[in-house]
C-alpha atoms as a PDB file:
ATOM      1  CA  MET A   1     121.192  96.926  33.577  1.00  0.00           C
ATOM      2  CA  GLU A   2     122.408  99.406  30.858  1.00  0.00           C
ATOM      3  CA  ARG A   3     121.933  96.714  28.324  1.00  0.00           C
ATOM      4  CA  LEU A   4     118.414  95.886  29.401  1.00  0.00           C
ATOM      5  CA  PHE A   5     117.440  99.533  29.044  1.00  0.00           C
ATOM      6  CA  ALA A   6     119.493 100.371  25.674  1.00  0.00           C
ATOM      7  CA  PRO A   7     117.525 102.266  23.154  1.00  0.00           C
ATOM      8  CA  GLU A   8     118.286  99.695  20.539  1.00  0.00           C
ATOM      9  CA  GLY A   9     115.658  97.185  19.816  1.00  0.00           C
ATOM     10  CA  PHE A  10     112.580  99.520  20.226  1.00  0.00           C
ATOM     11  CA  VAL A  11     110.570  99.444  16.974  1.00  0.00           C
ATOM     12  CA  GLU A  12     108.242 102.321  16.109  1.00  0.00           C
ATOM     13  CA  VAL A  13     106.134  99.968  13.763  1.00  0.00           C
ATOM     14  CA  GLY A  14     105.134  96.419  13.551  1.00  0.00           C
ATOM     15  CA  ALA A  15     106.198  95.264  17.149  1.00  0.00           C
ATOM     16  CA  GLY A  16     103.338  96.790  19.018  1.00  0.00           C
ATOM     17  CA  PRO A  17     103.199  99.881  21.190  1.00  0.00           C
ATOM     18  CA  LEU A  18     106.438 101.119  22.837  1.00  0.00           C
ATOM     19  CA  TYR A  19     105.250 100.550  26.324  1.00  0.00           C
ATOM     20  CA  LEU A  20     104.356  96.788  25.716  1.00  0.00           C
ATOM     21  CA  GLN A  21     107.776  96.378  24.152  1.00  0.00           C
ATOM     22  CA  LEU A  22     109.422  97.658  27.284  1.00  0.00           C
ATOM     23  CA  GLN A  23     107.020  95.545  29.394  1.00  0.00           C
ATOM     24  CA  ARG A  24     108.200  92.385  27.453  1.00  0.00           C
ATOM     25  CA  ARG A  25     111.808  93.408  27.773  1.00  0.00           C
ATOM     26  CA  ILE A  26     111.562  93.805  31.488  1.00  0.00           C
ATOM     27  CA  GLY A  27     109.298  90.744  31.865  1.00  0.00           C
ATOM     28  CA  ASP A  28     111.705  88.529  30.013  1.00  0.00           C
ATOM     29  CA  ALA A  29     114.623  89.592  32.193  1.00  0.00           C
ATOM     30  CA  ILE A  30     112.563  88.801  35.274  1.00  0.00           C
ATOM     31  CA  ALA A  31     111.756  85.360  33.667  1.00  0.00           C
ATOM     32  CA  SER A  32     115.188  84.667  32.661  1.00  0.00           C
ATOM     33  CA  GLY A  33     116.721  85.552  36.087  1.00  0.00           C
ATOM     34  CA  ARG A  34     118.612  88.527  34.876  1.00  0.00           C
ATOM     35  CA  LEU A  35     116.496  90.519  37.108  1.00  0.00           C
ATOM     36  CA  LYS A  36     116.116  88.808  40.380  1.00  0.00           C
ATOM     37  CA  PRO A  37     113.605  89.113  43.184  1.00  0.00           C
ATOM     38  CA  GLY A  38     114.425  92.108  45.231  1.00  0.00           C
ATOM     39  CA  ASP A  39     116.447  93.773  42.489  1.00  0.00           C
ATOM     40  CA  SER A  40     115.534  97.592  42.084  1.00  0.00           C
ATOM     41  CA  LEU A  41     114.660  99.343  38.762  1.00  0.00           C
ATOM     42  CA  PRO A  42     116.172 102.690  38.123  1.00  0.00           C
ATOM     43  CA  PRO A  43     113.962 105.770  38.629  1.00  0.00           C
ATOM     44  CA  GLU A  44     111.336 106.565  36.050  1.00  0.00           C
ATOM     45  CA  ARG A  45     113.365 109.454  34.556  1.00  0.00           C
ATOM     46  CA  ASP A  46     116.569 107.441  34.466  1.00  0.00           C
ATOM     47  CA  MET A  47     114.832 104.499  32.352  1.00  0.00           C
ATOM     48  CA  ALA A  48     113.332 107.079  30.005  1.00  0.00           C
ATOM     49  CA  ALA A  49     116.747 108.706  29.353  1.00  0.00           C
ATOM     50  CA  MET A  50     118.398 105.243  28.963  1.00  0.00           C
ATOM     51  CA  THR A  51     115.796 103.968  26.710  1.00  0.00           C
ATOM     52  CA  GLY A  52     114.939 106.965  24.699  1.00  0.00           C
ATOM     53  CA  LEU A  53     111.301 106.645  25.411  1.00  0.00           C
ATOM     54  CA  SER A  54     108.956 109.119  27.137  1.00  0.00           C
ATOM     55  CA  ARG A  55     108.381 109.123  30.706  1.00  0.00           C
ATOM     56  CA  VAL A  56     104.886 108.476  29.991  1.00  0.00           C
ATOM     57  CA  THR A  57     105.592 105.407  28.091  1.00  0.00           C
ATOM     58  CA  VAL A  58     108.021 104.224  30.814  1.00  0.00           C
ATOM     59  CA  ARG A  59     105.367 104.770  33.461  1.00  0.00           C
ATOM     60  CA  LYS A  60     102.748 102.959  31.306  1.00  0.00           C
ATOM     61  CA  ALA A  61     105.073  99.967  31.062  1.00  0.00           C
ATOM     62  CA  VAL A  62     105.944  99.772  34.943  1.00  0.00           C
ATOM     63  CA  GLU A  63     102.372 100.120  35.890  1.00  0.00           C
ATOM     64  CA  GLY A  64     101.449  97.169  33.856  1.00  0.00           C
ATOM     65  CA  LEU A  65     104.183  95.254  35.347  1.00  0.00           C
ATOM     66  CA  VAL A  66     102.915  96.223  38.826  1.00  0.00           C
ATOM     67  CA  ALA A  67      99.462  95.273  38.016  1.00  0.00           C
ATOM     68  CA  SER A  68     100.446  91.747  36.875  1.00  0.00           C
ATOM     69  CA  GLY A  69     102.388  91.298  40.115  1.00  0.00           C
ATOM     70  CA  GLN A  70     106.002  91.270  38.621  1.00  0.00           C
ATOM     71  CA  LEU A  71     107.068  94.459  40.029  1.00  0.00           C
ATOM     72  CA  VAL A  72     106.430  96.207  43.273  1.00  0.00           C
ATOM     73  CA  GLN A  73     106.337 100.089  44.109  1.00  0.00           C
ATOM     74  CA  LYS A  74     107.307 101.121  47.494  1.00  0.00           C
ATOM     75  CA  ARG A  75     106.650 104.708  48.406  1.00  0.00           C
ATOM     76  CA  GLY A  76     109.955 106.638  48.960  1.00  0.00           C
ATOM     77  CA  SER A  77     111.987 103.534  48.062  1.00  0.00           C
ATOM     78  CA  GLY A  78     111.461 102.897  44.292  1.00  0.00           C
ATOM     79  CA  THR A  79     110.310  99.991  42.131  1.00  0.00           C
ATOM     80  CA  PHE A  80     111.517  96.382  42.813  1.00  0.00           C
ATOM     81  CA  VAL A  81     111.191  93.052  41.190  1.00  0.00           C
ATOM     82  CA  ALA A  82     108.587  91.240  43.427  1.00  0.00           C
ATOM     83  CA  LEU A  83     109.414  88.247  45.633  1.00  0.00           C
ATOM     84  CA  ARG A  84     108.525  84.891  44.338  1.00  0.00           C
ATOM     85  CA  VAL A  85     105.856  83.217  46.478  1.00  0.00           C
ATOM     86  CA  GLU A  86     105.552  79.519  47.034  1.00  0.00           C
ATOM     87  CA  ARG A  87     101.866  78.739  47.218  1.00  0.00           C
ATOM     88  CA  LEU A  88     101.015  77.121  50.497  1.00  0.00           C
ATOM     89  CA  GLU A  89      98.118  74.617  51.238  1.00  0.00           C
ATOM     90  CA  GLN A  90      96.481  75.314  54.563  1.00  0.00           C
ATOM     91  CA  ALA A  91      93.982  72.662  56.106  1.00  0.00           C
ATOM     92  CA  LEU A  92      90.964  74.259  57.726  1.00  0.00           C
ATOM     93  CA  SER A  93      90.404  71.186  60.040  1.00  0.00           C
ATOM     94  CA  LEU A  94      93.299  71.828  62.459  1.00  0.00           C
ATOM     95  CA  LEU A  95      93.534  74.671  64.890  1.00  0.00           C
ATOM     96  CA  THR A  96      96.954  75.919  64.587  1.00  0.00           C
ATOM     97  CA  SER A  97      99.125  79.028  64.740  1.00  0.00           C
ATOM     98  CA  PHE A  98     101.094  80.611  61.801  1.00  0.00           C
ATOM     99  CA  THR A  99     104.362  79.711  63.540  1.00  0.00           C
ATOM    100  CA  GLU A 100     103.145  75.984  63.902  1.00  0.00           C
ATOM    101  CA  ASP A 101     102.150  75.956  60.120  1.00  0.00           C
ATOM    102  CA  MET A 102     105.404  77.154  59.071  1.00  0.00           C
ATOM    103  CA  ALA A 103     107.356  75.044  61.506  1.00  0.00           C
ATOM    104  CA  ARG A 104     105.705  71.751  60.018  1.00  0.00           C
ATOM    105  CA  ARG A 105     106.946  72.922  56.722  1.00  0.00           C
ATOM    106  CA  GLY A 106     110.458  73.464  57.656  1.00  0.00           C
ATOM    107  CA  LYS A 107     110.346  77.254  57.044  1.00  0.00           C
ATOM    108  CA  SER A 108     111.577  80.327  59.048  1.00  0.00           C
ATOM    109  CA  VAL A 109     109.111  82.536  60.773  1.00  0.00           C
ATOM    110  CA  GLU A 110     109.588  86.278  61.412  1.00  0.00           C
ATOM    111  CA  SER A 111     107.302  88.772  62.922  1.00  0.00           C
ATOM    112  CA  VAL A 112     107.679  92.526  61.883  1.00  0.00           C
ATOM    113  CA  TRP A 113     105.624  94.313  64.774  1.00  0.00           C
ATOM    114  CA  LEU A 114     103.440  97.242  63.886  1.00  0.00           C
ATOM    115  CA  ALA A 115     101.807  97.739  67.342  1.00  0.00           C
ATOM    116  CA  ARG A 116     101.536  96.022  70.740  1.00  0.00           C
ATOM    117  CA  GLY A 117      99.631  97.524  73.784  1.00  0.00           C
ATOM    118  CA  LEU A 118      96.709  97.772  75.865  1.00  0.00           C
ATOM    119  CA  HIS A 119      93.731 100.011  74.840  1.00  0.00           C
ATOM    120  CA  ALA A 120      90.078 100.823  75.569  1.00  0.00           C
ATOM    121  CA  PRO A 121      88.206  98.225  73.398  1.00  0.00           C
ATOM    122  CA  ALA A 122      86.371  99.153  70.219  1.00  0.00           C
ATOM    123  CA  PRO A 123      82.537  98.146  70.050  1.00  0.00           C
ATOM    124  CA  GLU A 124      83.413  95.096  67.723  1.00  0.00           C
ATOM    125  CA  GLU A 125      86.097  93.963  70.249  1.00  0.00           C
ATOM    126  CA  VAL A 126      83.569  94.299  73.238  1.00  0.00           C
ATOM    127  CA  MET A 127      81.085  92.121  71.382  1.00  0.00           C
ATOM    128  CA  ALA A 128      83.423  89.369  70.048  1.00  0.00           C
ATOM    129  CA  LEU A 129      85.349  89.080  73.460  1.00  0.00           C
ATOM    130  CA  GLY A 130      82.490  89.473  75.774  1.00  0.00           C
ATOM    131  CA  LEU A 131      84.101  92.490  77.659  1.00  0.00           C
ATOM    132  CA  GLY A 132      82.501  94.262  80.470  1.00  0.00           C
ATOM    133  CA  ALA A 133      82.454  97.964  81.318  1.00  0.00           C
ATOM    134  CA  GLY A 134      85.988  99.218  82.129  1.00  0.00           C
ATOM    135  CA  ASP A 135      87.645  96.259  80.619  1.00  0.00           C
ATOM    136  CA  ARG A 136      90.645  96.876  78.338  1.00  0.00           C
ATOM    137  CA  VAL A 137      91.946  94.736  75.558  1.00  0.00           C
ATOM    138  CA  ALA A 138      95.523  93.736  74.384  1.00  0.00           C
ATOM    139  CA  ARG A 139      96.064  94.349  70.681  1.00  0.00           C
ATOM    140  CA  LEU A 140      98.690  92.691  68.737  1.00  0.00           C
ATOM    141  CA  GLU A 141      99.450  93.812  64.940  1.00  0.00           C
ATOM    142  CA  ARG A 142     102.236  92.452  62.853  1.00  0.00           C
ATOM    143  CA  VAL A 143     103.260  91.298  59.626  1.00  0.00           C
ATOM    144  CA  ARG A 144     104.103  87.474  59.443  1.00  0.00           C
ATOM    145  CA  ARG A 145     106.837  86.592  57.142  1.00  0.00           C
ATOM    146  CA  SER A 146     108.206  83.178  56.219  1.00  0.00           C
ATOM    147  CA  ASP A 147     111.749  82.633  54.614  1.00  0.00           C
ATOM    148  CA  GLY A 148     111.664  86.522  54.277  1.00  0.00           C
ATOM    149  CA  VAL A 149     108.636  86.821  52.294  1.00  0.00           C
ATOM    150  CA  PRO A 150     105.657  88.754  53.901  1.00  0.00           C
ATOM    151  CA  LEU A 151     102.414  86.485  53.754  1.00  0.00           C
ATOM    152  CA  ALA A 152     100.078  87.912  56.228  1.00  0.00           C
ATOM    153  CA  ILE A 153      98.944  90.701  58.426  1.00  0.00           C
ATOM    154  CA  GLU A 154      97.759  89.546  61.686  1.00  0.00           C
ATOM    155  CA  ARG A 155      95.580  91.931  64.074  1.00  0.00           C
ATOM    156  CA  ALA A 156      94.910  89.973  67.252  1.00  0.00           C
ATOM    157  CA  SER A 157      92.724  91.166  70.308  1.00  0.00           C
ATOM    158  CA  LEU A 158      92.500  89.437  73.439  1.00  0.00           C
ATOM    159  CA  SER A 159      91.058  90.589  76.953  1.00  0.00           C
ATOM    160  CA  ALA A 160      93.856  92.197  79.146  1.00  0.00           C
ATOM    161  CA  GLN A 161      92.953  89.720  81.839  1.00  0.00           C
ATOM    162  CA  VAL A 162      94.129  87.110  79.324  1.00  0.00           C
ATOM    163  CA  LEU A 163      97.165  88.818  78.215  1.00  0.00           C
ATOM    164  CA  PRO A 164      98.193  91.632  80.642  1.00  0.00           C
ATOM    165  CA  GLU A 165     101.498  92.115  78.939  1.00  0.00           C
ATOM    166  CA  PRO A 166     101.238  92.151  75.182  1.00  0.00           C
ATOM    167  CA  GLU A 167     105.017  92.822  74.804  1.00  0.00           C
ATOM    168  CA  ALA A 168     105.442  89.243  76.209  1.00  0.00           C
ATOM    169  CA  VAL A 169     104.396  87.831  72.640  1.00  0.00           C
ATOM    170  CA  GLU A 170     107.601  87.599  70.645  1.00  0.00           C
ATOM    171  CA  ALA A 171     106.889  84.778  68.232  1.00  0.00           C
ATOM    172  CA  SER A 172     103.823  82.481  68.684  1.00  0.00           C
ATOM    173  CA  LEU A 173     100.762  83.978  70.560  1.00  0.00           C
ATOM    174  CA  TYR A 174      99.496  80.441  71.075  1.00  0.00           C
ATOM    175  CA  ALA A 175     102.734  79.352  72.871  1.00  0.00           C
ATOM    176  CA  VAL A 176     102.200  82.344  75.225  1.00  0.00           C
ATOM    177  CA  LEU A 177      98.615  81.385  75.730  1.00  0.00           C
ATOM    178  CA  GLN A 178      99.533  77.622  76.304  1.00  0.00           C
ATOM    179  CA  ALA A 179     101.969  78.512  79.037  1.00  0.00           C
ATOM    180  CA  ARG A 180      99.258  80.500  80.744  1.00  0.00           C
ATOM    181  CA  GLY A 181      96.644  77.532  80.367  1.00  0.00           C
ATOM    182  CA  LEU A 182      94.564  79.864  78.134  1.00  0.00           C
ATOM    183  CA  ARG A 183      95.210  78.331  74.592  1.00  0.00           C
ATOM    184  CA  PRO A 184      91.943  78.060  72.529  1.00  0.00           C
ATOM    185  CA  VAL A 185      90.789  74.411  71.876  1.00  0.00           C
ATOM    186  CA  ARG A 186      88.099  75.588  69.338  1.00  0.00           C
ATOM    187  CA  ALA A 187      87.689  78.286  66.930  1.00  0.00           C
ATOM    188  CA  VAL A 188      85.058  79.605  64.433  1.00  0.00           C
ATOM    189  CA  GLN A 189      86.715  80.958  61.293  1.00  0.00           C
ATOM    190  CA  ARG A 190      85.265  83.078  58.509  1.00  0.00           C
ATOM    191  CA  ILE A 191      87.074  83.538  55.157  1.00  0.00           C
ATOM    192  CA  SER A 192      86.063  86.226  52.590  1.00  0.00           C
ATOM    193  CA  ALA A 193      87.763  87.663  49.594  1.00  0.00           C
ATOM    194  CA  ALA A 194      89.323  91.131  49.910  1.00  0.00           C
ATOM    195  CA  ASN A 195      91.142  93.696  47.713  1.00  0.00           C
ATOM    196  CA  LEU A 196      94.113  95.113  49.636  1.00  0.00           C
ATOM    197  CA  GLY A 197      94.274  98.684  50.187  1.00  0.00           C
ATOM    198  CA  VAL A 198      97.216 100.775  49.764  1.00  0.00           C
ATOM    199  CA  ARG A 199      98.853 100.297  53.371  1.00  0.00           C
ATOM    200  CA  ASP A 200      97.990  96.604  53.572  1.00  0.00           C
ATOM    201  CA  ALA A 201      99.272  95.904  50.073  1.00  0.00           C
ATOM    202  CA  GLU A 202     102.675  97.794  50.779  1.00  0.00           C
ATOM    203  CA  LEU A 203     103.179  95.701  54.021  1.00  0.00           C
ATOM    204  CA  LEU A 204     102.756  92.586  52.240  1.00  0.00           C
ATOM    205  CA  GLY A 205     104.713  93.534  49.023  1.00  0.00           C
ATOM    206  CA  VAL A 206     102.065  93.405  46.400  1.00  0.00           C
ATOM    207  CA  PRO A 207     100.074  96.060  44.256  1.00  0.00           C
ATOM    208  CA  ALA A 208      97.389  98.022  45.929  1.00  0.00           C
ATOM    209  CA  GLY A 209      94.044  96.322  45.035  1.00  0.00           C
ATOM    210  CA  ALA A 210      95.640  92.940  44.719  1.00  0.00           C
ATOM    211  CA  ALA A 211      93.499  89.867  45.785  1.00  0.00           C
ATOM    212  CA  GLY A 212      93.647  89.003  49.257  1.00  0.00           C
ATOM    213  CA  LEU A 213      91.855  86.612  51.971  1.00  0.00           C
ATOM    214  CA  ARG A 214      90.371  88.154  54.932  1.00  0.00           C
ATOM    215  CA  ILE A 215      90.062  85.677  57.817  1.00  0.00           C
ATOM    216  CA  GLU A 216      88.382  86.223  61.177  1.00  0.00           C
ATOM    217  CA  ARG A 217      89.004  83.761  63.950  1.00  0.00           C
ATOM    218  CA  ILE A 218      87.165  83.679  67.166  1.00  0.00           C
ATOM    219  CA  GLY A 219      89.015  81.175  69.590  1.00  0.00           C
ATOM    220  CA  TYR A 220      87.310  79.407  72.614  1.00  0.00           C
ATOM    221  CA  LEU A 221      88.438  77.925  75.877  1.00  0.00           C
ATOM    222  CA  PRO A 222      87.225  74.458  76.853  1.00  0.00           C
ATOM    223  CA  ASP A 223      84.547  76.272  79.118  1.00  0.00           C
ATOM    224  CA  GLY A 224      83.198  78.117  76.135  1.00  0.00           C
ATOM    225  CA  ARG A 225      84.656  81.431  76.872  1.00  0.00           C
ATOM    226  CA  VAL A 226      86.066  83.493  74.005  1.00  0.00           C
ATOM    227  CA  VAL A 227      89.782  83.977  74.442  1.00  0.00           C
ATOM    228  CA  GLU A 228      90.823  85.447  71.012  1.00  0.00           C
ATOM    229  CA  PHE A 229      89.512  87.598  68.370  1.00  0.00           C
ATOM    230  CA  THR A 230      92.124  87.796  65.219  1.00  0.00           C
ATOM    231  CA  ARG A 231      91.462  89.302  61.912  1.00  0.00           C
ATOM    232  CA  SER A 232      94.129  88.472  59.466  1.00  0.00           C
ATOM    233  CA  LEU A 233      94.715  89.401  55.748  1.00  0.00           C
ATOM    234  CA  TYR A 234      96.563  86.853  53.741  1.00  0.00           C
ATOM    235  CA  ARG A 235      98.045  87.169  50.297  1.00  0.00           C
ATOM    236  CA  GLY A 236      95.788  85.843  47.679  1.00  0.00           C
ATOM    237  CA  ASP A 237      98.796  84.546  45.644  1.00  0.00           C
ATOM    238  CA  ALA A 238     100.255  82.485  48.553  1.00  0.00           C
ATOM    239  CA  TYR A 239      97.609  80.237  50.122  1.00  0.00           C
ATOM    240  CA  ASP A 240      95.092  77.608  49.024  1.00  0.00           C
ATOM    241  CA  PHE A 241      92.729  76.579  51.778  1.00  0.00           C
ATOM    242  CA  ALA A 242      91.587  73.013  51.794  1.00  0.00           C
ATOM    243  CA  VAL A 243      89.116  71.059  53.741  1.00  0.00           C
ATOM    244  CA  GLU A 244      87.995  67.356  53.712  1.00  0.00           C
ATOM    245  CA  LEU A 245      84.205  66.757  52.984  1.00  0.00           C
ATOM    246  CA  LYS A 246      82.633  63.583  54.034  1.00  0.00           C
ATOM    247  CA  LEU A 247      79.022  62.171  53.265  1.00  0.00           C
ATOM    248  CA  PRO A 248      76.915  61.831  56.543  1.00  0.00           C
ATOM    249  CA  GLU A 249      76.832  58.189  57.681  1.00  0.00           C
ATOM    250  CA  ALA A 250      73.220  58.049  57.603  1.00  0.00           C
ATOM    251  CA  GLU A 251      73.215  58.749  53.778  1.00  0.00           C
ATOM    252  CA  ARG A 252      75.996  56.176  52.954  1.00  0.00           C
ATOM    253  CA  THR A 253      75.002  53.015  51.121  1.00  0.00           C
ATOM    254  CA  ASP A 254      76.943  49.901  50.872  1.00  0.00           C
ATOM    255  CA  GLN A 255      79.198  49.868  47.761  1.00  0.00           C
END
């Protein structure tokens, strides 16, 4: 680490601005593996002292690497090398859970719970779930991780009649609903682009303002009743969504 931030090698003339020289030095260390995912960088004042550069120069270099996704800043903790994320392709033609998706890929799954409980419903929950006066809603909020990497923030709402004990959900929500005979068999899903706010970005380990995918899912039972209203935020650098398209039979001609 001391060699990485040694003052030798910074050139005042002919090698570009000093902050870009520091950016390249850190970026090269990440690319070569000298700095590994999860490694922490010294505080700004220490980097300035080691390099002989001003704190303004160091701050500008770090901000550029954060903006490019190579570094992550966590409030109260410091600056870290960002975790590398393997891009995953998700088919849109199958109604599966996050746990099932990762299991098919042979990946581990972990939930970091943010909240679980029963509440008075918000207006959008009343509309989406078709709740009546006096009904309560079960809310589940968690960060979904795979192989230690945060991939999505999931916020699920269900009628308390469907899920009277939210704490019963430890891993797969769909497994709990399946056991109760209430697993959705059909869903309408809407996907839109989003820029992640400060809190959501911090939970996902990406810079604030990073690109994400907002996914809203409404799940239905065989009789047409709504059973699930889930809003999720996915890392934009981790997912590709794929769907197969077919020409209608009536428009096909013999080849």
